[in-house]
Amino acid sequence: MSRININRRRLLTVAGVAASTLPLAGCDALDGMLASGATARNAMAKANGLTYRVQRFLIGADSLAKEYSESEIRQGQRPNGSTDPTDATYIALRDSAFAGYRLDIGGLVDRPLSLSLDELRNMPSRTQITRHDCVEGWSCIAKWTGVPLATVLDEARAKPEARYVVFRCFDTMSLGLSGEVAYYESIDMLDARHPQTILAYGLNGSPLPVANGAPLRLRVERQLGYKMAKYVRSIELASDLAPYGQGKGGFWEDLGYDWYAGI
């Protein structure tokens, strides 16, 4: 299985580097390769579906990502993605130490919620020391503390038809001449209810820093780093990903990354 994962990481890294050039390259040949309906894009989508099914079969629903000891934390958590959102609402929240922050949970739920940071901190928590694996090839071990996402979903009373959890974020990403779009990401209900999937508000024993996604970020430990949405603004439960972005399940997925980034 390790051989499959190594090869897959190489493929993801190549795809990631290629996709990252899109905002700068305009309508070039690569843009055409990754366009909806293109042969390369369709091949990647089929490979993603196969990988998803095979890894689900091999690792099972409840298998845990490896956890480490505190002595194995050798450095601060290296930030990935954006590190300082420019959204005006976010800036105001940041400048008030997130006192007015609310996490809205809606979509396919019987009980929509709007939770403050204090309310989230007062829910049952989980602390785990895990390794963050980035599609760029680097890894970092850190200690994360937060509320299990399953607890929040239970409080909101997720409806049976909910298949996906979609995270909308405060940070925006550049698409070059096409402007900027708000970051979003999604996971399925199986990963959402995994015991190591948490909404983290603490990092290495301190409040989550801005560069690492304050005030709240997703940790879904069995997937690559780009799946772990930072600066979470709201959560929506959905039966279909088509209404979000280009319907691929996330910002980077819309540019050609795999939706399922299991490791």
Protein backbone atom coordinates (compact mmCIF):
# COMPACT_ATOMS: atom_id res chain seq x y z
CA MET A 1 0.00 0.00 0.00
CA SER A 2 2.94 2.34 0.68
CA ARG A 3 4.01 2.03 -2.94
CA ILE A 4 0.54 3.09 -4.08
CA ASN A 5 0.61 6.08 -1.72
CA ILE A 6 4.09 7.20 -2.81
CA ASN A 7 3.16 7.11 -6.48
CA ARG A 8 -0.08 8.90 -5.75
CA ARG A 9 1.72 11.64 -3.85
CA ARG A 10 4.02 12.17 -6.80
CA LEU A 11 1.03 12.46 -9.10
CA LEU A 12 -0.65 14.90 -6.71
CA THR A 13 2.52 16.97 -6.44
CA VAL A 14 2.82 17.26 -10.22
CA ALA A 15 -0.87 18.11 -10.46
CA GLY A 16 -0.49 20.64 -7.67
CA VAL A 17 2.44 22.41 -9.28
CA ALA A 18 0.61 22.44 -12.58
CA ALA A 19 -2.60 23.77 -11.06
CA SER A 20 -0.72 26.47 -9.15
CA THR A 21 0.44 27.95 -12.46
CA LEU A 22 -3.08 28.50 -13.74
CA PRO A 23 -3.62 31.94 -12.18
CA LEU A 24 -0.43 33.13 -13.91
CA ALA A 25 -0.68 31.31 -17.21
CA GLY A 26 -4.07 32.44 -18.47
CA CYS A 27 -5.68 30.37 -21.23
CA ASP A 28 -2.63 28.27 -22.09
CA ALA A 29 -2.25 24.62 -23.00
CA LEU A 30 -2.28 23.48 -19.37
CA ASP A 31 -5.51 25.35 -18.76
CA GLY A 32 -7.01 23.35 -21.62
CA MET A 33 -5.68 20.08 -20.23
CA LEU A 34 -7.42 20.63 -16.90
CA ALA A 35 -10.59 22.15 -18.31
CA SER A 36 -13.88 20.42 -17.66
CA GLY A 37 -14.30 17.56 -20.14
CA ALA A 38 -10.63 17.48 -21.16
CA THR A 39 -9.02 14.05 -21.51
CA ALA A 40 -6.40 14.66 -18.80
CA ARG A 41 -9.00 15.98 -16.37
CA ASN A 42 -11.31 13.03 -17.02
CA ALA A 43 -8.45 10.57 -16.51
CA MET A 44 -7.55 12.21 -13.19
CA ALA A 45 -11.19 12.10 -12.09
CA LYS A 46 -11.41 8.38 -12.83
CA ALA A 47 -8.15 7.71 -10.96
CA ASN A 48 -9.48 9.70 -8.02
CA GLY A 49 -12.65 7.64 -7.87
CA LEU A 50 -10.67 4.40 -7.98
CA THR A 51 -8.25 5.59 -5.29
CA TYR A 52 -11.18 6.60 -3.08
CA ARG A 53 -12.81 3.18 -3.32
CA VAL A 54 -9.58 1.23 -2.88
CA GLN A 55 -8.36 3.23 0.11
CA ARG A 56 -11.75 3.09 1.78
CA PHE A 57 -11.64 -0.69 1.38
CA LEU A 58 -8.06 -1.04 2.64
CA ILE A 59 -8.02 1.31 5.63
CA GLY A 60 -11.61 0.97 6.86
CA ALA A 61 -13.87 3.58 8.37
CA ASP A 62 -12.36 3.84 11.86
CA SER A 63 -8.64 3.24 11.37
CA LEU A 64 -6.61 6.01 12.97
CA ALA A 65 -3.82 8.13 11.59
CA LYS A 66 -0.59 7.63 13.55
CA GLU A 67 -0.26 9.77 16.67
CA TYR A 68 3.07 10.86 18.14
CA SER A 69 4.61 11.82 21.47
CA GLU A 70 5.31 15.42 22.49
CA SER A 71 9.04 14.74 22.22
CA GLU A 72 8.59 14.27 18.48
CA ILE A 73 7.38 17.86 17.98
CA ARG A 74 10.62 19.37 16.65
CA GLN A 75 9.43 22.75 15.35
CA GLY A 76 6.44 25.05 15.11
CA GLN A 77 3.72 24.03 12.69
CA ARG A 78 4.67 25.26 9.25
CA PRO A 79 1.76 27.23 7.73
CA ASN A 80 0.26 26.05 4.46
CA GLY A 81 -1.84 28.02 2.01
CA SER A 82 -2.83 31.58 2.86
CA THR A 83 -1.52 33.01 6.13
CA ASP A 84 -3.25 36.39 6.63
CA PRO A 85 -6.75 36.81 5.14
CA THR A 86 -7.62 40.25 3.80
CA ASP A 87 -11.40 39.86 4.16
CA ALA A 88 -12.72 42.95 6.01
CA THR A 89 -14.96 40.90 8.31
CA TYR A 90 -12.07 38.64 9.21
CA ILE A 91 -9.76 41.57 9.92
CA ALA A 92 -12.33 43.07 12.31
CA LEU A 93 -12.68 39.73 14.09
CA ARG A 94 -8.91 39.28 14.29
CA ASP A 95 -8.45 42.77 15.75
CA SER A 96 -11.00 41.97 18.48
CA ALA A 97 -9.28 38.67 19.34
CA PHE A 98 -12.23 36.88 17.65
CA ALA A 99 -14.62 37.94 20.40
CA GLY A 100 -17.48 38.26 17.91
CA TYR A 101 -16.74 35.12 15.94
CA ARG A 102 -19.66 32.79 15.19
CA LEU A 103 -19.54 29.47 13.38
CA ASP A 104 -22.76 28.96 11.43
CA ILE A 105 -23.87 25.38 10.74
CA GLY A 106 -26.69 24.93 8.23
CA GLY A 107 -27.83 23.11 5.14
CA LEU A 108 -29.25 19.63 5.69
CA VAL A 109 -29.68 19.89 9.45
CA ASP A 110 -32.76 19.91 11.66
CA ARG A 111 -31.25 22.43 14.06
CA PRO A 112 -29.18 25.21 12.45
CA LEU A 113 -26.55 26.55 14.85
CA SER A 114 -24.49 29.68 15.36
CA LEU A 115 -21.71 28.95 17.86
CA SER A 116 -19.26 31.32 19.48
CA LEU A 117 -15.64 30.36 20.04
CA ASP A 118 -16.33 30.01 23.78
CA GLU A 119 -19.23 27.66 23.06
CA LEU A 120 -17.01 25.53 20.85
CA ARG A 121 -14.30 25.46 23.53
CA ASN A 122 -16.83 24.34 26.13
CA MET A 123 -17.84 21.32 24.08
CA PRO A 124 -16.07 17.97 24.60
CA SER A 125 -12.55 18.31 23.18
CA ARG A 126 -9.89 16.11 21.71
CA THR A 127 -6.12 16.64 21.66
CA GLN A 128 -3.98 14.72 19.18
CA ILE A 129 -0.37 14.87 18.03
CA THR A 130 -0.32 14.09 14.33
CA ARG A 131 1.73 14.67 11.20
CA HIS A 132 0.60 17.18 8.62
CA ASP A 133 1.54 15.97 5.13
CA CYS A 134 1.54 18.66 2.45
CA VAL A 135 1.08 17.96 -1.26
CA GLU A 136 4.27 20.02 -1.78
CA GLY A 137 6.24 17.21 -0.14
CA TRP A 138 6.93 18.45 3.40
CA SER A 139 5.61 17.14 6.72
CA CYS A 140 5.33 18.56 10.23
CA ILE A 141 4.29 17.05 13.58
CA ALA A 142 2.13 19.18 15.87
CA LYS A 143 -0.38 18.95 18.71
CA TRP A 144 -3.92 20.00 17.85
CA THR A 145 -6.84 20.62 20.21
CA GLY A 146 -10.45 21.10 19.16
CA VAL A 147 -13.99 19.85 19.19
CA PRO A 148 -14.76 16.66 17.26
CA LEU A 149 -16.69 17.58 14.14
CA ALA A 150 -19.06 14.69 14.87
CA THR A 151 -20.10 16.43 18.11
CA VAL A 152 -21.05 19.59 16.22
CA LEU A 153 -22.95 17.60 13.58
CA ASP A 154 -24.87 15.79 16.30
CA GLU A 155 -25.77 19.10 17.96
CA ALA A 156 -27.08 20.34 14.60
CA ARG A 157 -28.92 17.05 14.00
CA ALA A 158 -27.62 16.20 10.57
CA LYS A 159 -30.32 14.87 8.27
CA PRO A 160 -29.98 11.32 6.87
CA GLU A 161 -29.68 12.58 3.30
CA ALA A 162 -26.57 14.65 4.12
CA ARG A 163 -23.58 13.13 2.29
CA TYR A 164 -21.00 15.93 2.45
CA VAL A 165 -19.79 18.61 4.83
CA VAL A 166 -18.78 21.82 3.04
CA PHE A 167 -16.53 24.39 4.71
CA ARG A 168 -16.67 28.03 3.65
CA CYS A 169 -13.67 30.11 4.69
CA PHE A 170 -12.65 33.73 5.25
CA ASP A 171 -9.55 33.57 3.06
CA THR A 172 -9.65 34.26 -0.66
CA MET A 173 -7.45 32.80 -3.38
CA SER A 174 -6.26 34.54 -6.53
CA LEU A 175 -7.24 33.31 -9.97
CA GLY A 176 -5.06 35.86 -11.75
CA LEU A 177 -7.00 37.89 -14.29
CA SER A 178 -10.18 36.10 -13.22
CA GLY A 179 -10.01 37.76 -9.81
CA GLU A 180 -10.36 36.13 -6.39
CA VAL A 181 -12.68 33.50 -4.96
CA ALA A 182 -13.41 32.50 -1.38
CA TYR A 183 -11.69 29.30 -0.31
CA TYR A 184 -13.91 26.30 0.30
CA GLU A 185 -13.41 22.59 0.90
CA SER A 186 -15.50 19.48 1.56
CA ILE A 187 -15.29 15.98 2.99
CA ASP A 188 -17.76 13.12 3.13
CA MET A 189 -19.72 12.10 6.20
CA LEU A 190 -17.46 9.13 6.88
CA ASP A 191 -14.42 11.39 7.31
CA ALA A 192 -16.54 14.02 9.07
CA ARG A 193 -17.45 11.52 11.79
CA HIS A 194 -13.99 10.02 12.11
CA PRO A 195 -12.73 10.39 15.71
CA GLN A 196 -9.63 12.33 14.62
CA THR A 197 -11.56 14.85 12.54
CA ILE A 198 -11.74 17.98 14.68
CA LEU A 199 -12.40 21.68 14.42
CA ALA A 200 -9.14 22.85 15.93
CA TYR A 201 -8.80 26.04 18.00
CA GLY A 202 -5.51 25.14 19.70
CA LEU A 203 -2.02 24.39 18.42
CA ASN A 204 0.87 23.09 20.55
CA GLY A 205 -0.84 24.12 23.78
CA SER A 206 -1.65 27.69 22.70
CA PRO A 207 -4.55 29.36 20.85
CA LEU A 208 -4.42 28.72 17.11
CA PRO A 209 -2.27 31.42 15.44
CA VAL A 210 -3.56 33.45 12.50
CA ALA A 211 -0.98 31.97 10.14
CA ASN A 212 -2.28 28.48 10.95
CA GLY A 213 -5.97 29.28 10.47
CA ALA A 214 -7.30 31.11 13.56
CA PRO A 215 -9.79 31.05 15.03
CA LEU A 216 -10.88 27.65 13.73
CA ARG A 217 -9.57 25.16 11.20
CA LEU A 218 -10.38 21.66 10.10
CA ARG A 219 -8.11 18.74 10.90
CA VAL A 220 -8.92 15.61 8.89
CA GLU A 221 -5.86 13.56 9.68
CA ARG A 222 -6.15 10.84 7.06
CA GLN A 223 -5.91 13.28 4.16
CA LEU A 224 -3.35 15.68 2.70
CA GLY A 225 -3.01 19.21 4.03
CA TYR A 226 -4.98 21.07 1.39
CA LYS A 227 -8.15 19.32 2.61
CA MET A 228 -7.78 20.90 6.05
CA ALA A 229 -9.64 24.17 5.56
CA LYS A 230 -8.36 27.17 7.54
CA TYR A 231 -10.24 30.26 8.75
CA VAL A 232 -13.54 28.35 8.79
CA ARG A 233 -16.46 30.75 8.42
CA SER A 234 -19.41 28.36 8.12
CA ILE A 235 -20.33 24.74 7.60
CA GLU A 236 -23.05 23.41 5.32
CA LEU A 237 -24.29 19.85 5.03
CA ALA A 238 -25.24 18.85 1.51
CA SER A 239 -26.35 15.87 -0.55
CA ASP A 240 -24.48 17.06 -3.66
CA LEU A 241 -21.35 19.14 -4.33
CA ALA A 242 -22.61 20.55 -7.65
CA PRO A 243 -23.87 23.87 -6.20
CA TYR A 244 -20.44 24.76 -4.78
CA GLY A 245 -17.74 26.37 -6.92
CA GLN A 246 -17.35 24.30 -10.07
CA GLY A 247 -18.88 21.28 -8.38
CA LYS A 248 -15.58 19.47 -7.74
CA GLY A 249 -15.65 19.84 -3.96
CA GLY A 250 -13.04 22.50 -3.22
CA PHE A 251 -10.95 25.40 -4.48
CA TRP A 252 -7.95 23.28 -5.47
CA GLU A 253 -10.18 20.50 -6.77
CA ASP A 254 -11.73 23.01 -9.16
CA LEU A 255 -8.20 23.52 -10.51
CA GLY A 256 -7.44 19.83 -10.98
CA TYR A 257 -6.50 18.38 -7.57
CA ASP A 258 -8.09 15.16 -6.33
CA TRP A 259 -11.17 15.58 -4.15
CA TYR A 260 -10.20 12.54 -2.08
CA ALA A 261 -6.63 13.06 -0.86
CA GLY A 262 -6.31 10.06 1.44
CA ILE A 263 -2.88 9.02 2.74
